[in-house]
Amino acid sequence: MNHSVLKIADLKPQPRNPNSMSKEQFELLKTAISKEGFLQPILASLWQGVYWIVDGHHRVKAAQMLGFTSVPAFVGSWDRQQM
């Protein structure tokens, strides 16, 4: 697994993301990212030339809403069945 910085525009959400978050929780996440930055990189998988978000969908969405153009990430190789 490699540590990297990925452009948000290059990331694709995992369609089977099971996570949900209330509006209040999401606002707290946005506030935390705006004050502290990223405390935990997202997880992404490079599969067929596309970076898929494995973990961190909400962090990416919050960063995008805050005007970030890139996010820290750990990039690994998982096949579609493992994601």
Protein backbone atom coordinates (compact mmCIF):
# COMPACT_ATOMS: atom_id res chain seq x y z
CA MET A 1 0.00 0.00 0.00
CA ASN A 2 1.42 3.37 -1.03
CA HIS A 3 0.79 6.75 0.56
CA SER A 4 -0.17 9.34 -2.02
CA VAL A 5 -2.11 12.54 -2.64
CA LEU A 6 -4.91 12.07 -5.15
CA LYS A 7 -6.94 14.63 -7.05
CA ILE A 8 -10.60 14.50 -6.07
CA ALA A 9 -11.52 14.71 -9.75
CA ASP A 10 -9.69 11.39 -10.32
CA LEU A 11 -11.63 9.50 -7.62
CA LYS A 12 -14.72 7.40 -8.25
CA PRO A 13 -17.07 6.42 -5.42
CA GLN A 14 -17.57 2.75 -4.70
CA PRO A 15 -21.17 2.09 -5.81
CA ARG A 16 -21.75 -0.43 -3.02
CA ASN A 17 -20.69 1.91 -0.20
CA PRO A 18 -22.71 0.71 2.82
CA ASN A 19 -21.93 3.72 5.03
CA SER A 20 -24.41 6.43 5.87
CA MET A 21 -24.07 9.58 7.93
CA SER A 22 -26.59 12.02 9.34
CA LYS A 23 -26.53 15.63 8.22
CA GLU A 24 -25.33 16.64 11.70
CA GLN A 25 -22.47 14.12 11.63
CA PHE A 26 -21.48 15.29 8.16
CA GLU A 27 -21.39 18.93 9.30
CA LEU A 28 -19.15 17.91 12.23
CA LEU A 29 -16.85 16.10 9.81
CA LYS A 30 -16.65 19.16 7.55
CA THR A 31 -15.85 21.37 10.54
CA ALA A 32 -13.14 18.98 11.72
CA ILE A 33 -11.52 18.81 8.28
CA SER A 34 -11.64 22.59 7.88
CA LYS A 35 -9.96 23.10 11.28
CA GLU A 36 -7.58 20.14 11.51
CA GLY A 37 -7.16 18.92 7.95
CA PHE A 38 -7.09 15.20 7.27
CA LEU A 39 -6.21 13.13 10.31
CA GLN A 40 -6.75 9.88 8.43
CA PRO A 41 -6.09 9.36 4.72
CA ILE A 42 -8.76 7.74 2.59
CA LEU A 43 -8.27 4.26 1.16
CA ALA A 44 -8.35 3.94 -2.61
CA SER A 45 -7.84 1.10 -5.03
CA LEU A 46 -6.37 1.47 -8.48
CA TRP A 47 -8.38 -0.86 -10.69
CA GLN A 48 -8.31 -0.78 -14.49
CA GLY A 49 -6.80 2.71 -14.47
CA VAL A 50 -9.43 4.18 -12.11
CA TYR A 51 -8.97 5.18 -8.47
CA TRP A 52 -11.96 3.80 -6.55
CA ILE A 53 -12.72 5.02 -3.03
CA VAL A 54 -12.68 2.02 -0.70
CA ASP A 55 -13.01 3.98 2.54
CA GLY A 56 -13.48 7.72 3.03
CA HIS A 57 -16.44 8.63 0.82
CA HIS A 58 -17.70 11.21 3.31
CA ARG A 59 -14.25 12.71 3.84
CA VAL A 60 -13.87 13.17 0.08
CA LYS A 61 -17.32 14.75 -0.23
CA ALA A 62 -16.61 17.09 2.71
CA ALA A 63 -13.21 18.06 1.28
CA GLN A 64 -14.76 18.79 -2.10
CA MET A 65 -17.42 20.99 -0.49
CA LEU A 66 -14.67 22.84 1.39
CA GLY A 67 -12.82 23.59 -1.85
CA PHE A 68 -10.05 20.99 -1.58
CA THR A 69 -8.80 19.69 -4.91
CA SER A 70 -6.87 16.71 -3.53
CA VAL A 71 -6.88 14.37 -0.53
CA PRO A 72 -4.29 12.18 1.17
CA ALA A 73 -4.75 8.51 0.38
CA PHE A 74 -3.37 5.06 0.91
CA VAL A 75 -3.56 3.33 -2.46
CA GLY A 76 -3.72 -0.44 -2.58
CA SER A 77 -4.76 -3.15 -4.97
CA TRP A 78 -8.07 -4.75 -4.19
CA ASP A 79 -10.19 -6.51 -6.74
CA ARG A 80 -13.83 -5.52 -7.19
CA GLN A 81 -15.03 -8.44 -5.03
CA GLN A 82 -13.00 -7.20 -2.04
CA MET A 83 -14.22 -3.58 -2.26
